[in-house]
Amino acid sequence: MAAISTDSEYSHHAWAQQARSAGGLGPNLSISLLADRNMRVACEYGCLIEDKGITFRASYMIDPKGVLRYGSSPCLHGVAGDG
């Protein structure tokens, strides 16, 4: 399992060090945090409005073979922003 965001590795480090009671993810975070600074992953998984540079919170479950088994986002496949 991993968490990916468009925030920098520096933001991730700060979140991982901050207690959950203070809005952080730590101090015992047991998953990797990955930085998608160029928004490539967000674009590929349909949770980015490219012309605005806005990403949406999304959850995906991908099996060991790389098959998307579940996806939840307010903006799957570029639907949001059409209105």
Protein backbone atom coordinates (compact mmCIF):
# COMPACT_ATOMS: atom_id res chain seq x y z
CA MET A 1 0.00 0.00 0.00
CA ALA A 2 1.15 3.53 -0.74
CA ALA A 3 -0.22 7.05 -0.57
CA ILE A 4 0.46 9.46 -3.43
CA SER A 5 -0.07 13.20 -3.48
CA THR A 6 1.13 16.14 -5.53
CA ASP A 7 2.75 17.62 -2.45
CA SER A 8 6.52 17.50 -2.08
CA GLU A 9 8.53 14.94 -0.18
CA TYR A 10 9.18 17.71 2.37
CA SER A 11 5.45 18.05 3.07
CA HIS A 12 5.16 14.28 3.34
CA HIS A 13 8.00 14.16 5.83
CA ALA A 14 6.33 16.85 7.96
CA TRP A 15 2.98 15.01 7.88
CA ALA A 16 4.64 11.73 8.82
CA GLN A 17 6.34 13.35 11.83
CA GLN A 18 3.25 15.17 13.12
CA ALA A 19 0.85 13.37 15.45
CA ARG A 20 -2.58 12.43 14.08
CA SER A 21 -4.21 14.43 16.85
CA ALA A 22 -2.50 17.51 15.37
CA GLY A 23 -3.56 16.77 11.77
CA GLY A 24 -0.56 14.67 10.80
CA LEU A 25 -0.14 11.06 9.72
CA GLY A 26 2.35 9.88 12.32
CA PRO A 27 4.27 9.12 14.21
CA ASN A 28 3.83 5.42 13.35
CA LEU A 29 2.97 5.65 9.65
CA SER A 30 3.52 2.24 8.07
CA ILE A 31 2.93 3.00 4.38
CA SER A 32 5.03 4.81 1.80
CA LEU A 33 4.22 8.37 0.80
CA LEU A 34 5.00 9.12 -2.85
CA ALA A 35 5.29 12.61 -4.36
CA ASP A 36 3.58 13.11 -7.74
CA ARG A 37 5.03 16.58 -8.36
CA ASN A 38 4.51 16.47 -12.14
CA MET A 39 0.91 15.23 -11.64
CA ARG A 40 1.46 12.32 -14.04
CA VAL A 41 -0.17 9.75 -11.76
CA ALA A 42 -3.10 12.07 -11.03
CA CYS A 43 -3.60 12.56 -14.77
CA GLU A 44 -3.38 8.85 -15.59
CA TYR A 45 -5.95 7.96 -12.93
CA GLY A 46 -8.42 10.66 -13.89
CA CYS A 47 -8.31 12.89 -10.83
CA LEU A 48 -6.72 15.97 -12.39
CA ILE A 49 -8.23 18.95 -14.13
CA GLU A 50 -5.18 19.69 -16.28
CA ASP A 51 -5.97 23.23 -17.42
CA LYS A 52 -6.43 24.32 -13.80
CA GLY A 53 -3.74 22.14 -12.18
CA ILE A 54 -6.29 20.89 -9.64
CA THR A 55 -6.26 17.36 -8.26
CA PHE A 56 -9.04 15.61 -6.39
CA ARG A 57 -8.80 13.23 -3.48
CA ALA A 58 -9.18 9.70 -4.77
CA SER A 59 -8.74 6.11 -3.60
CA TYR A 60 -7.73 3.21 -5.82
CA MET A 61 -7.10 -0.45 -5.22
CA ILE A 62 -4.72 -1.98 -7.75
CA ASP A 63 -3.94 -5.69 -7.60
CA PRO A 64 -0.40 -7.13 -7.83
CA LYS A 65 -0.85 -7.55 -11.61
CA GLY A 66 -1.52 -3.82 -12.01
CA VAL A 67 -5.26 -4.19 -12.63
CA LEU A 68 -7.44 -1.43 -11.19
CA ARG A 69 -9.98 -3.22 -8.98
CA TYR A 70 -11.62 -0.23 -7.29
CA GLY A 71 -11.66 3.52 -7.76
CA SER A 72 -13.42 6.28 -5.84
CA SER A 73 -13.08 9.94 -6.79
CA PRO A 74 -15.33 12.92 -7.47
CA CYS A 75 -13.45 13.28 -10.75
CA LEU A 76 -12.86 9.88 -12.35
CA HIS A 77 -11.69 10.04 -15.96
CA GLY A 78 -11.97 13.81 -16.32
CA VAL A 79 -15.72 14.03 -15.61
CA ALA A 80 -15.46 16.91 -13.11
CA GLY A 81 -14.92 20.33 -14.49
CA ASP A 82 -17.20 19.65 -17.46
CA GLY A 83 -19.96 21.79 -15.97
